[in-house]
């Protein structure tokens, strides 16, 4: 899969979470990020990996995040999807990424 799918995914996820796509790639310490920015970043990682098909190795190089942290991000979203409302949001975002990337 192409690396252009990462900024494309961020462009879909970040506004839905109340953040800017630029904030997804901000490498500031966690303490300087808002909750919306953190969820947007984690959601982008999750969808770039699970829907857009970017490997954790690719994401590690593109986002300057260790694979251990990337796996943690994916796990956090999977756990958060136990909440029906959050799962519905993620399902809509999955469809948007899938449609835009492969439609």
PDB file of N, CA and C in Angstrom:
ATOM      1  N   UNK A   1       0.837  -1.178   0.000  1.00  0.00           N
ATOM      2  CA  UNK A   1       0.000   0.000   0.000  1.00  0.00           C
ATOM      3  C   UNK A   1       0.883   1.243   0.000  1.00  0.00           C
ATOM      4  N   UNK A   2       0.347   2.275  -0.530  1.00  0.00           N
ATOM      5  CA  UNK A   2       1.100   3.507  -0.687  1.00  0.00           C
ATOM      6  C   UNK A   2       1.077   4.367   0.575  1.00  0.00           C
ATOM      7  N   UNK A   3       2.172   5.049   0.806  1.00  0.00           N
ATOM      8  CA  UNK A   3       2.292   5.906   1.988  1.00  0.00           C
ATOM      9  C   UNK A   3       1.331   7.098   1.940  1.00  0.00           C
ATOM     10  N   UNK A   4       0.819   7.460   0.757  1.00  0.00           N
ATOM     11  CA  UNK A   4      -0.119   8.592   0.678  1.00  0.00           C
ATOM     12  C   UNK A   4      -1.423   8.295   1.423  1.00  0.00           C
ATOM     13  N   UNK A   5      -1.668   7.033   1.738  1.00  0.00           N
ATOM     14  CA  UNK A   5      -2.893   6.680   2.455  1.00  0.00           C
ATOM     15  C   UNK A   5      -2.880   7.172   3.897  1.00  0.00           C
ATOM     16  N   UNK A   6      -1.719   7.403   4.459  1.00  0.00           N
ATOM     17  CA  UNK A   6      -1.658   7.889   5.846  1.00  0.00           C
ATOM     18  C   UNK A   6      -2.195   9.316   5.965  1.00  0.00           C
ATOM     19  N   UNK A   7      -1.702  10.291   5.196  1.00  0.00           N
ATOM     20  CA  UNK A   7      -2.291  11.631   5.305  1.00  0.00           C
ATOM     21  C   UNK A   7      -3.753  11.654   4.846  1.00  0.00           C
ATOM     22  N   UNK A   8      -4.099  10.814   3.879  1.00  0.00           N
ATOM     23  CA  UNK A   8      -5.486  10.711   3.451  1.00  0.00           C
ATOM     24  C   UNK A   8      -6.362  10.261   4.622  1.00  0.00           C
ATOM     25  N   UNK A   9      -5.924   9.236   5.335  1.00  0.00           N
ATOM     26  CA  UNK A   9      -6.673   8.723   6.486  1.00  0.00           C
ATOM     27  C   UNK A   9      -6.757   9.778   7.583  1.00  0.00           C
ATOM     28  N   UNK A  10      -5.661  10.462   7.852  1.00  0.00           N
ATOM     29  CA  UNK A  10      -5.664  11.529   8.863  1.00  0.00           C
ATOM     30  C   UNK A  10      -6.651  12.624   8.488  1.00  0.00           C
ATOM     31  N   UNK A  11      -6.767  12.912   7.202  1.00  0.00           N
ATOM     32  CA  UNK A  11      -7.697  13.936   6.741  1.00  0.00           C
ATOM     33  C   UNK A  11      -9.154  13.570   6.964  1.00  0.00           C
ATOM     34  N   UNK A  12      -9.441  12.300   7.058  1.00  0.00           N
ATOM     35  CA  UNK A  12     -10.801  11.836   7.344  1.00  0.00           C
ATOM     36  C   UNK A  12     -11.037  11.737   8.849  1.00  0.00           C
ATOM     37  N   UNK A  13     -10.088  11.150   9.554  1.00  0.00           N
ATOM     38  CA  UNK A  13     -10.272  10.860  10.978  1.00  0.00           C
ATOM     39  C   UNK A  13     -10.187  12.113  11.845  1.00  0.00           C
ATOM     40  N   UNK A  14      -9.176  12.932  11.647  1.00  0.00           N
ATOM     41  CA  UNK A  14      -8.937  14.075  12.542  1.00  0.00           C
ATOM     42  C   UNK A  14     -10.144  15.012  12.657  1.00  0.00           C
ATOM     43  N   UNK A  15     -10.733  15.480  11.556  1.00  0.00           N
ATOM     44  CA  UNK A  15     -11.890  16.369  11.709  1.00  0.00           C
ATOM     45  C   UNK A  15     -13.064  15.701  12.435  1.00  0.00           C
ATOM     46  N   UNK A  16     -13.239  14.405  12.212  1.00  0.00           N
ATOM     47  CA  UNK A  16     -14.328  13.687  12.891  1.00  0.00           C
ATOM     48  C   UNK A  16     -14.115  13.625  14.395  1.00  0.00           C
ATOM     49  N   UNK A  17     -12.867  13.701  14.820  1.00  0.00           N
ATOM     50  CA  UNK A  17     -12.534  13.636  16.241  1.00  0.00           C
ATOM     51  C   UNK A  17     -12.311  15.016  16.848  1.00  0.00           C
ATOM     52  N   UNK A  18     -12.487  16.063  16.047  1.00  0.00           N
ATOM     53  CA  UNK A  18     -12.332  17.428  16.553  1.00  0.00           C
ATOM     54  C   UNK A  18     -10.903  17.925  16.566  1.00  0.00           C
ATOM     55  N   UNK A  19     -10.095  17.397  15.656  1.00  0.00           N
ATOM     56  CA  UNK A  19      -8.686  17.797  15.587  1.00  0.00           C
ATOM     57  C   UNK A  19      -8.346  18.156  14.142  1.00  0.00           C
ATOM     58  N   UNK A  20      -7.144  18.649  13.936  1.00  0.00           N
ATOM     59  CA  UNK A  20      -6.688  18.951  12.581  1.00  0.00           C
ATOM     60  C   UNK A  20      -5.827  17.784  12.084  1.00  0.00           C
ATOM     61  N   UNK A  21      -5.823  17.544  10.786  1.00  0.00           N
ATOM     62  CA  UNK A  21      -4.961  16.480  10.269  1.00  0.00           C
ATOM     63  C   UNK A  21      -3.491  16.694  10.646  1.00  0.00           C
ATOM     64  N   UNK A  22      -3.067  17.956  10.680  1.00  0.00           N
ATOM     65  CA  UNK A  22      -1.675  18.257  11.054  1.00  0.00           C
ATOM     66  C   UNK A  22      -1.349  17.738  12.460  1.00  0.00           C
ATOM     67  N   UNK A  23      -2.303  17.829  13.372  1.00  0.00           N
ATOM     68  CA  UNK A  23      -2.042  17.420  14.757  1.00  0.00           C
ATOM     69  C   UNK A  23      -1.754  15.930  14.890  1.00  0.00           C
ATOM     70  N   UNK A  24      -2.209  15.132  13.934  1.00  0.00           N
ATOM     71  CA  UNK A  24      -1.950  13.688  13.961  1.00  0.00           C
ATOM     72  C   UNK A  24      -0.454  13.417  13.859  1.00  0.00           C
ATOM     73  N   UNK A  25       0.246  14.278  13.150  1.00  0.00           N
ATOM     74  CA  UNK A  25       1.677  14.076  12.911  1.00  0.00           C
ATOM     75  C   UNK A  25       2.568  14.884  13.846  1.00  0.00           C
ATOM     76  N   UNK A  26       1.964  15.583  14.797  1.00  0.00           N
ATOM     77  CA  UNK A  26       2.716  16.377  15.769  1.00  0.00           C
ATOM     78  C   UNK A  26       3.472  15.430  16.701  1.00  0.00           C
ATOM     79  N   UNK A  27       4.763  15.639  16.845  1.00  0.00           N
ATOM     80  CA  UNK A  27       5.552  14.749  17.693  1.00  0.00           C
ATOM     81  C   UNK A  27       5.827  15.349  19.074  1.00  0.00           C
ATOM     82  N   UNK A  28       5.013  16.325  19.450  1.00  0.00           N
ATOM     83  CA  UNK A  28       5.134  16.909  20.789  1.00  0.00           C
ATOM     84  C   UNK A  28       4.853  15.849  21.843  1.00  0.00           C
ATOM     85  N   UNK A  29       5.355  16.056  23.054  1.00  0.00           N
ATOM     86  CA  UNK A  29       5.052  15.116  24.134  1.00  0.00           C
ATOM     87  C   UNK A  29       3.539  14.975  24.329  1.00  0.00           C
ATOM     88  N   UNK A  30       3.124  13.805  24.789  1.00  0.00           N
ATOM     89  CA  UNK A  30       1.700  13.531  25.006  1.00  0.00           C
ATOM     90  C   UNK A  30       1.024  14.595  25.857  1.00  0.00           C
ATOM     91  N   UNK A  31       1.740  15.115  26.836  1.00  0.00           N
ATOM     92  CA  UNK A  31       1.147  16.090  27.747  1.00  0.00           C
ATOM     93  C   UNK A  31       0.732  17.373  27.043  1.00  0.00           C
ATOM     94  N   UNK A  32       1.256  17.606  25.853  1.00  0.00           N
ATOM     95  CA  UNK A  32       0.915  18.832  25.126  1.00  0.00           C
ATOM     96  C   UNK A  32      -0.225  18.624  24.139  1.00  0.00           C
ATOM     97  N   UNK A  33      -0.716  17.407  24.017  1.00  0.00           N
ATOM     98  CA  UNK A  33      -1.804  17.122  23.089  1.00  0.00           C
ATOM     99  C   UNK A  33      -3.142  17.152  23.799  1.00  0.00           C
ATOM    100  N   UNK A  34      -4.158  17.614  23.081  1.00  0.00           N
ATOM    101  CA  UNK A  34      -5.512  17.547  23.630  1.00  0.00           C
ATOM    102  C   UNK A  34      -6.034  16.127  23.486  1.00  0.00           C
ATOM    103  N   UNK A  35      -7.119  15.838  24.178  1.00  0.00           N
ATOM    104  CA  UNK A  35      -7.733  14.511  24.057  1.00  0.00           C
ATOM    105  C   UNK A  35      -8.175  14.257  22.617  1.00  0.00           C
ATOM    106  N   UNK A  36      -8.746  15.259  21.968  1.00  0.00           N
ATOM    107  CA  UNK A  36      -9.188  15.116  20.576  1.00  0.00           C
ATOM    108  C   UNK A  36      -8.016  14.770  19.665  1.00  0.00           C
ATOM    109  N   UNK A  37      -6.884  15.429  19.885  1.00  0.00           N
ATOM    110  CA  UNK A  37      -5.695  15.136  19.073  1.00  0.00           C
ATOM    111  C   UNK A  37      -5.184  13.723  19.322  1.00  0.00           C
ATOM    112  N   UNK A  38      -5.214  13.290  20.581  1.00  0.00           N
ATOM    113  CA  UNK A  38      -4.754  11.938  20.909  1.00  0.00           C
ATOM    114  C   UNK A  38      -5.656  10.879  20.280  1.00  0.00           C
ATOM    115  N   UNK A  39      -6.962  11.083  20.347  1.00  0.00           N
ATOM    116  CA  UNK A  39      -7.897  10.118  19.760  1.00  0.00           C
ATOM    117  C   UNK A  39      -7.774  10.134  18.234  1.00  0.00           C
ATOM    118  N   UNK A  40      -7.587  11.305  17.653  1.00  0.00           N
ATOM    119  CA  UNK A  40      -7.413  11.396  16.202  1.00  0.00           C
ATOM    120  C   UNK A  40      -6.155  10.659  15.760  1.00  0.00           C
ATOM    121  N   UNK A  41      -5.081  10.830  16.498  1.00  0.00           N
ATOM    122  CA  UNK A  41      -3.822  10.149  16.169  1.00  0.00           C
ATOM    123  C   UNK A  41      -3.978   8.641  16.283  1.00  0.00           C
ATOM    124  N   UNK A  42      -4.572   8.189  17.377  1.00  0.00           N
ATOM    125  CA  UNK A  42      -4.758   6.762  17.600  1.00  0.00           C
ATOM    126  C   UNK A  42      -5.717   6.177  16.561  1.00  0.00           C
ATOM    127  N   UNK A  43      -6.798   6.898  16.270  1.00  0.00           N
ATOM    128  CA  UNK A  43      -7.752   6.432  15.264  1.00  0.00           C
ATOM    129  C   UNK A  43      -7.142   6.356  13.873  1.00  0.00           C
ATOM    130  N   UNK A  44      -6.297   7.329  13.553  1.00  0.00           N
ATOM    131  CA  UNK A  44      -5.618   7.319  12.254  1.00  0.00           C
ATOM    132  C   UNK A  44      -4.684   6.117  12.156  1.00  0.00           C
ATOM    133  N   UNK A  45      -3.931   5.853  13.195  1.00  0.00           N
ATOM    134  CA  UNK A  45      -3.035   4.692  13.203  1.00  0.00           C
ATOM    135  C   UNK A  45      -3.844   3.420  12.993  1.00  0.00           C
ATOM    136  N   UNK A  46      -4.932   3.291  13.743  1.00  0.00           N
ATOM    137  CA  UNK A  46      -5.774   2.098  13.664  1.00  0.00           C
ATOM    138  C   UNK A  46      -6.312   1.893  12.245  1.00  0.00           C
ATOM    139  N   UNK A  47      -6.909   2.930  11.666  1.00  0.00           N
ATOM    140  CA  UNK A  47      -7.510   2.781  10.340  1.00  0.00           C
ATOM    141  C   UNK A  47      -6.468   2.670   9.229  1.00  0.00           C
ATOM    142  N   UNK A  48      -5.338   3.355   9.370  1.00  0.00           N
ATOM    143  CA  UNK A  48      -4.279   3.223   8.371  1.00  0.00           C
ATOM    144  C   UNK A  48      -3.758   1.785   8.343  1.00  0.00           C
ATOM    145  N   UNK A  49      -3.735   1.158   9.501  1.00  0.00           N
ATOM    146  CA  UNK A  49      -3.256  -0.222   9.593  1.00  0.00           C
ATOM    147  C   UNK A  49      -4.339  -1.221   9.185  1.00  0.00           C
ATOM    148  N   UNK A  50      -5.524  -1.112   9.760  1.00  0.00           N
ATOM    149  CA  UNK A  50      -6.547  -2.145   9.556  1.00  0.00           C
ATOM    150  C   UNK A  50      -7.340  -1.991   8.266  1.00  0.00           C
ATOM    151  N   UNK A  51      -7.530  -0.770   7.792  1.00  0.00           N
ATOM    152  CA  UNK A  51      -8.332  -0.565   6.584  1.00  0.00           C
ATOM    153  C   UNK A  51      -7.452  -0.249   5.378  1.00  0.00           C
ATOM    154  N   UNK A  52      -6.549   0.724   5.532  1.00  0.00           N
ATOM    155  CA  UNK A  52      -5.710   1.136   4.404  1.00  0.00           C
ATOM    156  C   UNK A  52      -4.592   0.138   4.129  1.00  0.00           C
ATOM    157  N   UNK A  53      -4.307  -0.734   5.088  1.00  0.00           N
ATOM    158  CA  UNK A  53      -3.345  -1.802   4.855  1.00  0.00           C
ATOM    159  C   UNK A  53      -1.885  -1.456   5.064  1.00  0.00           C
ATOM    160  N   UNK A  54      -1.603  -0.325   5.707  1.00  0.00           N
ATOM    161  CA  UNK A  54      -0.199   0.002   5.993  1.00  0.00           C
ATOM    162  C   UNK A  54       0.300  -0.896   7.122  1.00  0.00           C
ATOM    163  N   UNK A  55       1.477  -1.432   6.948  1.00  0.00           N
ATOM    164  CA  UNK A  55       2.044  -2.298   7.984  1.00  0.00           C
ATOM    165  C   UNK A  55       2.532  -1.444   9.153  1.00  0.00           C
ATOM    166  N   UNK A  56       2.703  -2.081  10.295  1.00  0.00           N
ATOM    167  CA  UNK A  56       3.250  -1.359  11.450  1.00  0.00           C
ATOM    168  C   UNK A  56       4.653  -0.861  11.151  1.00  0.00           C
ATOM    169  N   UNK A  57       5.403  -1.602  10.380  1.00  0.00           N
ATOM    170  CA  UNK A  57       6.755  -1.168   9.993  1.00  0.00           C
ATOM    171  C   UNK A  57       6.670   0.118   9.153  1.00  0.00           C
ATOM    172  N   UNK A  58       5.723   0.156   8.213  1.00  0.00           N
ATOM    173  CA  UNK A  58       5.553   1.368   7.407  1.00  0.00           C
ATOM    174  C   UNK A  58       5.141   2.545   8.291  1.00  0.00           C
ATOM    175  N   UNK A  59       4.187   2.311   9.175  1.00  0.00           N
ATOM    176  CA  UNK A  59       3.730   3.374  10.068  1.00  0.00           C
ATOM    177  C   UNK A  59       4.845   3.856  10.979  1.00  0.00           C
ATOM    178  N   UNK A  60       5.676   2.939  11.427  1.00  0.00           N
ATOM    179  CA  UNK A  60       6.807   3.309  12.280  1.00  0.00           C
ATOM    180  C   UNK A  60       7.700   4.314  11.556  1.00  0.00           C
ATOM    181  N   UNK A  61       7.972   4.065  10.293  1.00  0.00           N
ATOM    182  CA  UNK A  61       8.819   4.970   9.518  1.00  0.00           C
ATOM    183  C   UNK A  61       8.145   6.283   9.179  1.00  0.00           C
ATOM    184  N   UNK A  62       6.860   6.236   8.927  1.00  0.00           N
ATOM    185  CA  UNK A  62       6.132   7.442   8.527  1.00  0.00           C
ATOM    186  C   UNK A  62       5.792   8.360   9.693  1.00  0.00           C
ATOM    187  N   UNK A  63       5.553   7.763  10.867  1.00  0.00           N
ATOM    188  CA  UNK A  63       5.093   8.567  12.008  1.00  0.00           C
ATOM    189  C   UNK A  63       6.135   8.709  13.114  1.00  0.00           C
ATOM    190  N   UNK A  64       7.277   8.072  12.967  1.00  0.00           N
ATOM    191  CA  UNK A  64       8.348   8.130  13.970  1.00  0.00           C
ATOM    192  C   UNK A  64       7.872   7.653  15.326  1.00  0.00           C
ATOM    193  N   UNK A  65       7.133   6.568  15.323  1.00  0.00           N
ATOM    194  CA  UNK A  65       6.625   5.959  16.551  1.00  0.00           C
ATOM    195  C   UNK A  65       7.080   4.507  16.561  1.00  0.00           C
ATOM    196  N   UNK A  66       7.560   4.038  17.689  1.00  0.00           N
ATOM    197  CA  UNK A  66       7.990   2.647  17.800  1.00  0.00           C
ATOM    198  C   UNK A  66       6.814   1.701  17.609  1.00  0.00           C
ATOM    199  N   UNK A  67       7.104   0.540  17.036  1.00  0.00           N
ATOM    200  CA  UNK A  67       6.036  -0.436  16.785  1.00  0.00           C
ATOM    201  C   UNK A  67       5.296  -0.835  18.053  1.00  0.00           C
ATOM    202  N   UNK A  68       5.978  -0.873  19.157  1.00  0.00           N
ATOM    203  CA  UNK A  68       5.325  -1.203  20.438  1.00  0.00           C
ATOM    204  C   UNK A  68       4.194  -0.214  20.714  1.00  0.00           C
ATOM    205  N   UNK A  69       4.444   1.068  20.487  1.00  0.00           N
ATOM    206  CA  UNK A  69       3.419   2.094  20.687  1.00  0.00           C
ATOM    207  C   UNK A  69       2.316   1.999  19.637  1.00  0.00           C
ATOM    208  N   UNK A  70       2.687   1.636  18.421  1.00  0.00           N
ATOM    209  CA  UNK A  70       1.685   1.462  17.371  1.00  0.00           C
ATOM    210  C   UNK A  70       0.735   0.313  17.722  1.00  0.00           C
ATOM    211  N   UNK A  71       1.299  -0.798  18.193  1.00  0.00           N
ATOM    212  CA  UNK A  71       0.455  -1.933  18.614  1.00  0.00           C
ATOM    213  C   UNK A  71      -0.460  -1.515  19.755  1.00  0.00           C
ATOM    214  N   UNK A  72       0.057  -0.725  20.671  1.00  0.00           N
ATOM    215  CA  UNK A  72      -0.746  -0.224  21.794  1.00  0.00           C
ATOM    216  C   UNK A  72      -1.901   0.631  21.282  1.00  0.00           C
ATOM    217  N   UNK A  73      -1.644   1.476  20.294  1.00  0.00           N
ATOM    218  CA  UNK A  73      -2.694   2.321  19.717  1.00  0.00           C
ATOM    219  C   UNK A  73      -3.803   1.482  19.098  1.00  0.00           C
ATOM    220  N   UNK A  74      -3.418   0.453  18.355  1.00  0.00           N
ATOM    221  CA  UNK A  74      -4.409  -0.426  17.735  1.00  0.00           C
ATOM    222  C   UNK A  74      -5.235  -1.116  18.823  1.00  0.00           C
ATOM    223  N   UNK A  75      -4.571  -1.593  19.851  1.00  0.00           N
ATOM    224  CA  UNK A  75      -5.267  -2.273  20.954  1.00  0.00           C
ATOM    225  C   UNK A  75      -6.236  -1.325  21.675  1.00  0.00           C
ATOM    226  N   UNK A  76      -5.825  -0.081  21.891  1.00  0.00           N
ATOM    227  CA  UNK A  76      -6.700   0.895  22.552  1.00  0.00           C
ATOM    228  C   UNK A  76      -7.986   1.130  21.763  1.00  0.00           C
ATOM    229  N   UNK A  77      -7.865   1.248  20.461  1.00  0.00           N
ATOM    230  CA  UNK A  77      -9.070   1.461  19.644  1.00  0.00           C
ATOM    231  C   UNK A  77      -9.935   0.205  19.659  1.00  0.00           C
ATOM    232  N   UNK A  78      -9.317  -0.957  19.558  1.00  0.00           N
ATOM    233  CA  UNK A  78     -10.103  -2.193  19.599  1.00  0.00           C
ATOM    234  C   UNK A  78     -10.878  -2.304  20.910  1.00  0.00           C
ATOM    235  N   UNK A  79     -10.251  -1.938  22.005  1.00  0.00           N
ATOM    236  CA  UNK A  79     -10.942  -1.971  23.303  1.00  0.00           C
ATOM    237  C   UNK A  79     -12.036  -0.910  23.368  1.00  0.00           C
ATOM    238  N   UNK A  80     -11.769   0.276  22.850  1.00  0.00           N
ATOM    239  CA  UNK A  80     -12.756   1.357  22.885  1.00  0.00           C
ATOM    240  C   UNK A  80     -13.975   1.032  22.028  1.00  0.00           C
ATOM    241  N   UNK A  81     -13.801   0.169  21.037  1.00  0.00           N
ATOM    242  CA  UNK A  81     -14.917  -0.191  20.163  1.00  0.00           C
ATOM    243  C   UNK A  81     -15.952  -1.059  20.864  1.00  0.00           C
ATOM    244  N   UNK A  82     -15.681  -1.452  22.093  1.00  0.00           N
ATOM    245  CA  UNK A  82     -16.685  -2.157  22.891  1.00  0.00           C
ATOM    246  C   UNK A  82     -17.861  -1.227  23.194  1.00  0.00           C
ATOM    247  N   UNK A  83     -17.626   0.080  23.182  1.00  0.00           N
ATOM    248  CA  UNK A  83     -18.676   1.079  23.366  1.00  0.00           C
ATOM    249  C   UNK A  83     -19.405   1.253  22.025  1.00  0.00           C
ATOM    250  N   UNK A  84     -20.704   1.025  22.026  1.00  0.00           N
ATOM    251  CA  UNK A  84     -21.481   1.032  20.785  1.00  0.00           C
ATOM    252  C   UNK A  84     -21.414   2.367  20.044  1.00  0.00           C
ATOM    253  N   UNK A  85     -21.449   3.463  20.760  1.00  0.00           N
ATOM    254  CA  UNK A  85     -21.415   4.780  20.113  1.00  0.00           C
ATOM    255  C   UNK A  85     -20.065   5.006  19.425  1.00  0.00           C
ATOM    256  N   UNK A  86     -18.985   4.671  20.118  1.00  0.00           N
ATOM    257  CA  UNK A  86     -17.657   4.836  19.523  1.00  0.00           C
ATOM    258  C   UNK A  86     -17.490   3.881  18.345  1.00  0.00           C
ATOM    259  N   UNK A  87     -17.988   2.675  18.475  1.00  0.00           N
ATOM    260  CA  UNK A  87     -17.897   1.704  17.386  1.00  0.00           C
ATOM    261  C   UNK A  87     -18.628   2.214  16.148  1.00  0.00           C
ATOM    262  N   UNK A  88     -19.781   2.865  16.339  1.00  0.00           N
ATOM    263  CA  UNK A  88     -20.528   3.405  15.202  1.00  0.00           C
ATOM    264  C   UNK A  88     -19.724   4.493  14.487  1.00  0.00           C
ATOM    265  N   UNK A  89     -19.058   5.345  15.259  1.00  0.00           N
ATOM    266  CA  UNK A  89     -18.208   6.387  14.665  1.00  0.00           C
ATOM    267  C   UNK A  89     -17.075   5.741  13.872  1.00  0.00           C
ATOM    268  N   UNK A  90     -16.425   4.769  14.475  1.00  0.00           N
ATOM    269  CA  UNK A  90     -15.306   4.099  13.794  1.00  0.00           C
ATOM    270  C   UNK A  90     -15.773   3.360  12.543  1.00  0.00           C
ATOM    271  N   UNK A  91     -16.945   2.769  12.588  1.00  0.00           N
ATOM    272  CA  UNK A  91     -17.478   2.065  11.411  1.00  0.00           C
ATOM    273  C   UNK A  91     -17.699   3.055  10.263  1.00  0.00           C
ATOM    274  N   UNK A  92     -18.233   4.239  10.567  1.00  0.00           N
ATOM    275  CA  UNK A  92     -18.425   5.256   9.525  1.00  0.00           C
ATOM    276  C   UNK A  92     -17.078   5.719   8.965  1.00  0.00           C
ATOM    277  N   UNK A  93     -16.103   5.886   9.840  1.00  0.00           N
ATOM    278  CA  UNK A  93     -14.775   6.290   9.377  1.00  0.00           C
ATOM    279  C   UNK A  93     -14.120   5.191   8.544  1.00  0.00           C
ATOM    280  N   UNK A  94     -14.294   3.950   8.946  1.00  0.00           N
ATOM    281  CA  UNK A  94     -13.776   2.827   8.153  1.00  0.00           C
ATOM    282  C   UNK A  94     -14.348   2.874   6.741  1.00  0.00           C
ATOM    283  N   UNK A  95     -15.669   3.063   6.644  1.00  0.00           N
ATOM    284  CA  UNK A  95     -16.319   3.125   5.331  1.00  0.00           C
ATOM    285  C   UNK A  95     -15.769   4.280   4.504  1.00  0.00           C
ATOM    286  N   UNK A  96     -15.573   5.440   5.138  1.00  0.00           N
ATOM    287  CA  UNK A  96     -15.054   6.609   4.415  1.00  0.00           C
ATOM    288  C   UNK A  96     -13.637   6.368   3.909  1.00  0.00           C
ATOM    289  N   UNK A  97     -12.794   5.773   4.737  1.00  0.00           N
ATOM    290  CA  UNK A  97     -11.414   5.481   4.316  1.00  0.00           C
ATOM    291  C   UNK A  97     -11.435   4.447   3.205  1.00  0.00           C
ATOM    292  N   UNK A  98     -12.207   3.403   3.379  1.00  0.00           N
ATOM    293  CA  UNK A  98     -12.289   2.339   2.362  1.00  0.00           C
ATOM    294  C   UNK A  98     -12.786   2.910   1.026  1.00  0.00           C
ATOM    295  N   UNK A  99     -13.845   3.707   1.085  1.00  0.00           N
ATOM    296  CA  UNK A  99     -14.415   4.279  -0.137  1.00  0.00           C
ATOM    297  C   UNK A  99     -13.419   5.215  -0.822  1.00  0.00           C
ATOM    298  N   UNK A 100     -12.780   6.072  -0.052  1.00  0.00           N
ATOM    299  CA  UNK A 100     -11.841   7.025  -0.629  1.00  0.00           C
ATOM    300  C   UNK A 100     -10.561   6.390  -1.136  1.00  0.00           C
ATOM    301  N   UNK A 101     -10.100   5.371  -0.446  1.00  0.00           N
ATOM    302  CA  UNK A 101      -8.830   4.747  -0.807  1.00  0.00           C
ATOM    303  C   UNK A 101      -8.983   3.709  -1.921  1.00  0.00           C
ATOM    304  N   UNK A 102     -10.109   3.040  -1.925  1.00  0.00           N
ATOM    305  CA  UNK A 102     -10.262   1.911  -2.841  1.00  0.00           C
ATOM    306  C   UNK A 102     -11.474   2.022  -3.753  1.00  0.00           C
ATOM    307  N   UNK A 103     -12.338   3.036  -3.483  1.00  0.00           N
ATOM    308  CA  UNK A 103     -13.608   3.171  -4.202  1.00  0.00           C
ATOM    309  C   UNK A 103     -13.441   3.613  -5.597  1.00  0.00           C
TER     310      UNK A 103
END
